[in-house]
Amino acid sequence: RHPRQGPADAVEVVRYVALLVTATGVGR
């Protein structure tokens, strides 16, 4: 609903999804 737009999109998306993955118990 509220995506971050701009040149850092790819970096931000990877960081965000990696953060979700860490909630499964996987290290950062």
PDB file of all heavy atoms in Angstrom:
ATOM      1  N   ARG A   1       0.825  -1.207   0.000  1.00  0.00           N
ATOM      2  CA  ARG A   1       0.000   0.000   0.000  1.00  0.00           C
ATOM      3  C   ARG A   1       0.859   1.257   0.000  1.00  0.00           C
ATOM      4  O   ARG A   1       0.508   2.276  -0.599  1.00  0.00           O
ATOM      5  CB  ARG A   1      -0.919   0.012   1.217  1.00  0.00           C
ATOM      6  CG  ARG A   1      -1.871   1.214   1.257  1.00  0.00           C
ATOM      7  CD  ARG A   1      -2.582   1.288   2.589  1.00  0.00           C
ATOM      8  NE  ARG A   1      -3.491   0.187   2.790  1.00  0.00           N
ATOM      9  CZ  ARG A   1      -4.755   0.166   2.391  1.00  0.00           C
ATOM     10  NH1 ARG A   1      -5.252   1.198   1.731  1.00  0.00           N
ATOM     11  NH2 ARG A   1      -5.520  -0.867   2.627  1.00  0.00           N
ATOM     12  N   HIS A   2       1.993   1.209   0.699  1.00  0.00           N
ATOM     13  CA  HIS A   2       2.847   2.390   0.826  1.00  0.00           C
ATOM     14  C   HIS A   2       4.291   2.023   0.459  1.00  0.00           C
ATOM     15  O   HIS A   2       5.184   2.041   1.314  1.00  0.00           O
ATOM     16  CB  HIS A   2       2.810   2.931   2.254  1.00  0.00           C
ATOM     17  CG  HIS A   2       1.435   3.300   2.711  1.00  0.00           C
ATOM     18  ND1 HIS A   2       0.735   4.358   2.181  1.00  0.00           N
ATOM     19  CD2 HIS A   2       0.628   2.740   3.650  1.00  0.00           C
ATOM     20  CE1 HIS A   2      -0.447   4.445   2.773  1.00  0.00           C
ATOM     21  NE2 HIS A   2      -0.534   3.475   3.663  1.00  0.00           N
ATOM     22  N   PRO A   3       4.531   1.694  -0.814  1.00  0.00           N
ATOM     23  CA  PRO A   3       5.898   1.323  -1.206  1.00  0.00           C
ATOM     24  C   PRO A   3       6.822   2.520  -1.197  1.00  0.00           C
ATOM     25  O   PRO A   3       6.405   3.652  -1.448  1.00  0.00           O
ATOM     26  CB  PRO A   3       5.713   0.788  -2.637  1.00  0.00           C
ATOM     27  CG  PRO A   3       4.527   1.534  -3.150  1.00  0.00           C
ATOM     28  CD  PRO A   3       3.614   1.693  -1.958  1.00  0.00           C
ATOM     29  N   ARG A   4       8.095   2.281  -0.900  1.00  0.00           N
ATOM     30  CA  ARG A   4       9.094   3.340  -1.010  1.00  0.00           C
ATOM     31  C   ARG A   4       9.569   3.387  -2.455  1.00  0.00           C
ATOM     32  O   ARG A   4       9.966   2.375  -3.014  1.00  0.00           O
ATOM     33  CB  ARG A   4      10.264   3.073  -0.069  1.00  0.00           C
ATOM     34  CG  ARG A   4       9.866   3.100   1.394  1.00  0.00           C
ATOM     35  CD  ARG A   4      11.073   2.955   2.294  1.00  0.00           C
ATOM     36  NE  ARG A   4      10.687   2.886   3.687  1.00  0.00           N
ATOM     37  CZ  ARG A   4      11.545   2.777   4.684  1.00  0.00           C
ATOM     38  NH1 ARG A   4      12.840   2.713   4.440  1.00  0.00           N
ATOM     39  NH2 ARG A   4      11.115   2.721   5.934  1.00  0.00           N
ATOM     40  N   GLN A   5       9.549   4.574  -3.026  1.00  0.00           N
ATOM     41  CA  GLN A   5       9.927   4.710  -4.421  1.00  0.00           C
ATOM     42  C   GLN A   5      11.225   5.503  -4.537  1.00  0.00           C
ATOM     43  O   GLN A   5      11.563   6.287  -3.655  1.00  0.00           O
ATOM     44  CB  GLN A   5       8.816   5.425  -5.195  1.00  0.00           C
ATOM     45  CG  GLN A   5       7.483   4.676  -5.135  1.00  0.00           C
ATOM     46  CD  GLN A   5       6.386   5.470  -5.771  1.00  0.00           C
ATOM     47  OE1 GLN A   5       6.486   5.862  -6.926  1.00  0.00           O
ATOM     48  NE2 GLN A   5       5.330   5.726  -5.035  1.00  0.00           N
ATOM     49  N   GLY A   6      11.924   5.262  -5.652  1.00  0.00           N
ATOM     50  CA  GLY A   6      13.169   5.981  -5.867  1.00  0.00           C
ATOM     51  C   GLY A   6      14.304   5.045  -6.195  1.00  0.00           C
ATOM     52  O   GLY A   6      14.123   3.837  -6.305  1.00  0.00           O
ATOM     53  N   PRO A   7      15.511   5.575  -6.323  1.00  0.00           N
ATOM     54  CA  PRO A   7      16.654   4.754  -6.749  1.00  0.00           C
ATOM     55  C   PRO A   7      17.039   3.657  -5.764  1.00  0.00           C
ATOM     56  O   PRO A   7      17.723   2.715  -6.127  1.00  0.00           O
ATOM     57  CB  PRO A   7      17.788   5.782  -6.903  1.00  0.00           C
ATOM     58  CG  PRO A   7      17.366   6.942  -6.049  1.00  0.00           C
ATOM     59  CD  PRO A   7      15.874   6.982  -6.149  1.00  0.00           C
ATOM     60  N   ALA A   8      16.622   3.794  -4.496  1.00  0.00           N
ATOM     61  CA  ALA A   8      17.006   2.787  -3.491  1.00  0.00           C
ATOM     62  C   ALA A   8      15.978   1.674  -3.364  1.00  0.00           C
ATOM     63  O   ALA A   8      16.049   0.872  -2.449  1.00  0.00           O
ATOM     64  CB  ALA A   8      17.205   3.464  -2.130  1.00  0.00           C
ATOM     65  N   ASP A   9      15.023   1.596  -4.304  1.00  0.00           N
ATOM     66  CA  ASP A   9      13.958   0.602  -4.197  1.00  0.00           C
ATOM     67  C   ASP A   9      14.479  -0.813  -3.975  1.00  0.00           C
ATOM     68  O   ASP A   9      14.031  -1.507  -3.077  1.00  0.00           O
ATOM     69  CB  ASP A   9      13.103   0.602  -5.478  1.00  0.00           C
ATOM     70  CG  ASP A   9      12.043   1.687  -5.434  1.00  0.00           C
ATOM     71  OD1 ASP A   9      11.796   2.201  -4.354  1.00  0.00           O
ATOM     72  OD2 ASP A   9      11.476   1.991  -6.492  1.00  0.00           O
ATOM     73  N   ALA A  10      15.421  -1.252  -4.823  1.00  0.00           N
ATOM     74  CA  ALA A  10      15.903  -2.626  -4.753  1.00  0.00           C
ATOM     75  C   ALA A  10      16.543  -2.914  -3.407  1.00  0.00           C
ATOM     76  O   ALA A  10      16.280  -3.946  -2.782  1.00  0.00           O
ATOM     77  CB  ALA A  10      16.885  -2.904  -5.887  1.00  0.00           C
ATOM     78  N   VAL A  11      17.382  -2.011  -2.940  1.00  0.00           N
ATOM     79  CA  VAL A  11      18.048  -2.185  -1.647  1.00  0.00           C
ATOM     80  C   VAL A  11      17.024  -2.238  -0.519  1.00  0.00           C
ATOM     81  O   VAL A  11      17.090  -3.102   0.373  1.00  0.00           O
ATOM     82  CB  VAL A  11      19.054  -1.043  -1.401  1.00  0.00           C
ATOM     83  CG1 VAL A  11      19.638  -1.137   0.003  1.00  0.00           C
ATOM     84  CG2 VAL A  11      20.158  -1.084  -2.436  1.00  0.00           C
ATOM     85  N   GLU A  12      16.046  -1.320  -0.561  1.00  0.00           N
ATOM     86  CA  GLU A  12      15.036  -1.275   0.491  1.00  0.00           C
ATOM     87  C   GLU A  12      14.187  -2.539   0.508  1.00  0.00           C
ATOM     88  O   GLU A  12      13.861  -3.069   1.573  1.00  0.00           O
ATOM     89  CB  GLU A  12      14.139  -0.049   0.299  1.00  0.00           C
ATOM     90  CG  GLU A  12      14.824   1.285   0.520  1.00  0.00           C
ATOM     91  CD  GLU A  12      15.193   1.527   1.974  1.00  0.00           C
ATOM     92  OE1 GLU A  12      14.666   0.823   2.844  1.00  0.00           O
ATOM     93  OE2 GLU A  12      16.011   2.427   2.230  1.00  0.00           O
ATOM     94  N   VAL A  13      13.815  -3.015  -0.675  1.00  0.00           N
ATOM     95  CA  VAL A  13      12.988  -4.224  -0.752  1.00  0.00           C
ATOM     96  C   VAL A  13      13.739  -5.427  -0.207  1.00  0.00           C
ATOM     97  O   VAL A  13      13.198  -6.214   0.575  1.00  0.00           O
ATOM     98  CB  VAL A  13      12.521  -4.474  -2.200  1.00  0.00           C
ATOM     99  CG1 VAL A  13      11.966  -5.887  -2.358  1.00  0.00           C
ATOM    100  CG2 VAL A  13      11.464  -3.454  -2.596  1.00  0.00           C
ATOM    101  N   VAL A  14      14.990  -5.588  -0.607  1.00  0.00           N
ATOM    102  CA  VAL A  14      15.787  -6.718  -0.114  1.00  0.00           C
ATOM    103  C   VAL A  14      15.921  -6.658   1.400  1.00  0.00           C
ATOM    104  O   VAL A  14      15.769  -7.667   2.097  1.00  0.00           O
ATOM    105  CB  VAL A  14      17.173  -6.743  -0.791  1.00  0.00           C
ATOM    106  CG1 VAL A  14      18.099  -7.735  -0.082  1.00  0.00           C
ATOM    107  CG2 VAL A  14      17.045  -7.119  -2.258  1.00  0.00           C
ATOM    108  N   ARG A  15      16.183  -5.490   1.936  1.00  0.00           N
ATOM    109  CA  ARG A  15      16.306  -5.343   3.393  1.00  0.00           C
ATOM    110  C   ARG A  15      15.000  -5.681   4.098  1.00  0.00           C
ATOM    111  O   ARG A  15      14.991  -6.334   5.149  1.00  0.00           O
ATOM    112  CB  ARG A  15      16.736  -3.918   3.737  1.00  0.00           C
ATOM    113  CG  ARG A  15      18.196  -3.619   3.437  1.00  0.00           C
ATOM    114  CD  ARG A  15      18.513  -2.170   3.750  1.00  0.00           C
ATOM    115  NE  ARG A  15      19.922  -1.851   3.501  1.00  0.00           N
ATOM    116  CZ  ARG A  15      20.415  -0.629   3.520  1.00  0.00           C
ATOM    117  NH1 ARG A  15      19.619   0.408   3.769  1.00  0.00           N
ATOM    118  NH2 ARG A  15      21.703  -0.424   3.301  1.00  0.00           N
ATOM    119  N   TYR A  16      13.898  -5.222   3.523  1.00  0.00           N
ATOM    120  CA  TYR A  16      12.601  -5.456   4.146  1.00  0.00           C
ATOM    121  C   TYR A  16      12.253  -6.938   4.138  1.00  0.00           C
ATOM    122  O   TYR A  16      11.823  -7.496   5.162  1.00  0.00           O
ATOM    123  CB  TYR A  16      11.519  -4.652   3.423  1.00  0.00           C
ATOM    124  CG  TYR A  16      10.165  -4.742   4.069  1.00  0.00           C
ATOM    125  CD1 TYR A  16       9.896  -4.074   5.256  1.00  0.00           C
ATOM    126  CD2 TYR A  16       9.146  -5.502   3.495  1.00  0.00           C
ATOM    127  CE1 TYR A  16       8.651  -4.157   5.855  1.00  0.00           C
ATOM    128  CE2 TYR A  16       7.908  -5.587   4.083  1.00  0.00           C
ATOM    129  CZ  TYR A  16       7.658  -4.913   5.264  1.00  0.00           C
ATOM    130  OH  TYR A  16       6.415  -4.999   5.857  1.00  0.00           O
ATOM    131  N   VAL A  17      12.421  -7.584   2.983  1.00  0.00           N
ATOM    132  CA  VAL A  17      12.105  -9.015   2.895  1.00  0.00           C
ATOM    133  C   VAL A  17      13.050  -9.825   3.779  1.00  0.00           C
ATOM    134  O   VAL A  17      12.629 -10.772   4.447  1.00  0.00           O
ATOM    135  CB  VAL A  17      12.157  -9.496   1.431  1.00  0.00           C
ATOM    136  CG1 VAL A  17      12.063 -11.020   1.347  1.00  0.00           C
ATOM    137  CG2 VAL A  17      11.032  -8.847   0.628  1.00  0.00           C
ATOM    138  N   ALA A  18      14.330  -9.447   3.818  1.00  0.00           N
ATOM    139  CA  ALA A  18      15.276 -10.146   4.699  1.00  0.00           C
ATOM    140  C   ALA A  18      14.840 -10.005   6.157  1.00  0.00           C
ATOM    141  O   ALA A  18      14.975 -10.947   6.947  1.00  0.00           O
ATOM    142  CB  ALA A  18      16.681  -9.584   4.499  1.00  0.00           C
ATOM    143  N   LEU A  19      14.307  -8.826   6.519  1.00  0.00           N
ATOM    144  CA  LEU A  19      13.804  -8.629   7.882  1.00  0.00           C
ATOM    145  C   LEU A  19      12.653  -9.582   8.172  1.00  0.00           C
ATOM    146  O   LEU A  19      12.577 -10.177   9.264  1.00  0.00           O
ATOM    147  CB  LEU A  19      13.345  -7.178   8.057  1.00  0.00           C
ATOM    148  CG  LEU A  19      12.759  -6.817   9.430  1.00  0.00           C
ATOM    149  CD1 LEU A  19      13.821  -6.949  10.518  1.00  0.00           C
ATOM    150  CD2 LEU A  19      12.200  -5.395   9.407  1.00  0.00           C
ATOM    151  N   LEU A  20      11.763  -9.760   7.200  1.00  0.00           N
ATOM    152  CA  LEU A  20      10.668 -10.718   7.380  1.00  0.00           C
ATOM    153  C   LEU A  20      11.205 -12.138   7.545  1.00  0.00           C
ATOM    154  O   LEU A  20      10.697 -12.910   8.361  1.00  0.00           O
ATOM    155  CB  LEU A  20       9.720 -10.655   6.184  1.00  0.00           C
ATOM    156  CG  LEU A  20       8.967  -9.341   5.954  1.00  0.00           C
ATOM    157  CD1 LEU A  20       8.085  -9.453   4.715  1.00  0.00           C
ATOM    158  CD2 LEU A  20       8.133  -8.954   7.163  1.00  0.00           C
ATOM    159  N   VAL A  21      12.229 -12.463   6.776  1.00  0.00           N
ATOM    160  CA  VAL A  21      12.820 -13.804   6.854  1.00  0.00           C
ATOM    161  C   VAL A  21      13.446 -14.043   8.225  1.00  0.00           C
ATOM    162  O   VAL A  21      13.375 -15.154   8.761  1.00  0.00           O
ATOM    163  CB  VAL A  21      13.861 -14.003   5.734  1.00  0.00           C
ATOM    164  CG1 VAL A  21      14.637 -15.310   5.923  1.00  0.00           C
ATOM    165  CG2 VAL A  21      13.183 -13.989   4.362  1.00  0.00           C
ATOM    166  N   THR A  22      14.032 -13.001   8.824  1.00  0.00           N
ATOM    167  CA  THR A  22      14.659 -13.187  10.146  1.00  0.00           C
ATOM    168  C   THR A  22      13.644 -13.584  11.208  1.00  0.00           C
ATOM    169  O   THR A  22      14.000 -14.223  12.198  1.00  0.00           O
ATOM    170  CB  THR A  22      15.386 -11.908  10.620  1.00  0.00           C
ATOM    171  OG1 THR A  22      14.437 -10.845  10.771  1.00  0.00           O
ATOM    172  CG2 THR A  22      16.482 -11.499   9.668  1.00  0.00           C
ATOM    173  N   ALA A  23      12.383 -13.221  10.997  1.00  0.00           N
ATOM    174  CA  ALA A  23      11.356 -13.570  11.982  1.00  0.00           C
ATOM    175  C   ALA A  23      11.127 -15.075  12.059  1.00  0.00           C
ATOM    176  O   ALA A  23      10.522 -15.567  13.010  1.00  0.00           O
ATOM    177  CB  ALA A  23      10.045 -12.853  11.660  1.00  0.00           C
ATOM    178  N   THR A  24      11.611 -15.826  11.074  1.00  0.00           N
ATOM    179  CA  THR A  24      11.494 -17.283  11.112  1.00  0.00           C
ATOM    180  C   THR A  24      12.605 -17.914  11.952  1.00  0.00           C
ATOM    181  O   THR A  24      12.645 -19.135  12.107  1.00  0.00           O
ATOM    182  CB  THR A  24      11.558 -17.868   9.689  1.00  0.00           C
ATOM    183  OG1 THR A  24      12.862 -17.626   9.133  1.00  0.00           O
ATOM    184  CG2 THR A  24      10.506 -17.239   8.792  1.00  0.00           C
ATOM    185  N   GLY A  25      13.505 -17.081  12.455  1.00  0.00           N
ATOM    186  CA  GLY A  25      14.607 -17.593  13.265  1.00  0.00           C
ATOM    187  C   GLY A  25      15.932 -17.615  12.538  1.00  0.00           C
ATOM    188  O   GLY A  25      16.963 -17.978  13.122  1.00  0.00           O
ATOM    189  N   VAL A  26      15.934 -17.218  11.275  1.00  0.00           N
ATOM    190  CA  VAL A  26      17.174 -17.153  10.496  1.00  0.00           C
ATOM    191  C   VAL A  26      17.936 -15.885  10.876  1.00  0.00           C
ATOM    192  O   VAL A  26      17.336 -14.831  11.086  1.00  0.00           O
ATOM    193  CB  VAL A  26      16.854 -17.143   8.983  1.00  0.00           C
ATOM    194  CG1 VAL A  26      18.112 -16.943   8.155  1.00  0.00           C
ATOM    195  CG2 VAL A  26      16.155 -18.439   8.587  1.00  0.00           C
ATOM    196  N   GLY A  27      19.266 -15.975  10.968  1.00  0.00           N
ATOM    197  CA  GLY A  27      20.084 -14.811  11.299  1.00  0.00           C
ATOM    198  C   GLY A  27      20.009 -13.749  10.213  1.00  0.00           C
ATOM    199  O   GLY A  27      19.704 -14.034   9.052  1.00  0.00           O
ATOM    200  N   ARG A  28      20.333 -12.499  10.585  1.00  0.00           N
ATOM    201  CA  ARG A  28      20.203 -11.381   9.648  1.00  0.00           C
ATOM    202  C   ARG A  28      21.074 -11.571   8.405  1.00  0.00           C
ATOM    203  O   ARG A  28      20.596 -11.402   7.275  1.00  0.00           O
ATOM    204  CB  ARG A  28      20.582 -10.075  10.349  1.00  0.00           C
ATOM    205  CG  ARG A  28      20.531  -8.846   9.454  1.00  0.00           C
ATOM    206  CD  ARG A  28      20.887  -7.589  10.238  1.00  0.00           C
ATOM    207  NE  ARG A  28      20.934  -6.425   9.357  1.00  0.00           N
ATOM    208  CZ  ARG A  28      21.980  -6.088   8.619  1.00  0.00           C
ATOM    209  NH1 ARG A  28      23.078  -6.833   8.648  1.00  0.00           N
ATOM    210  NH2 ARG A  28      21.950  -5.010   7.847  1.00  0.00           N
TER     211      ARG A  28
END
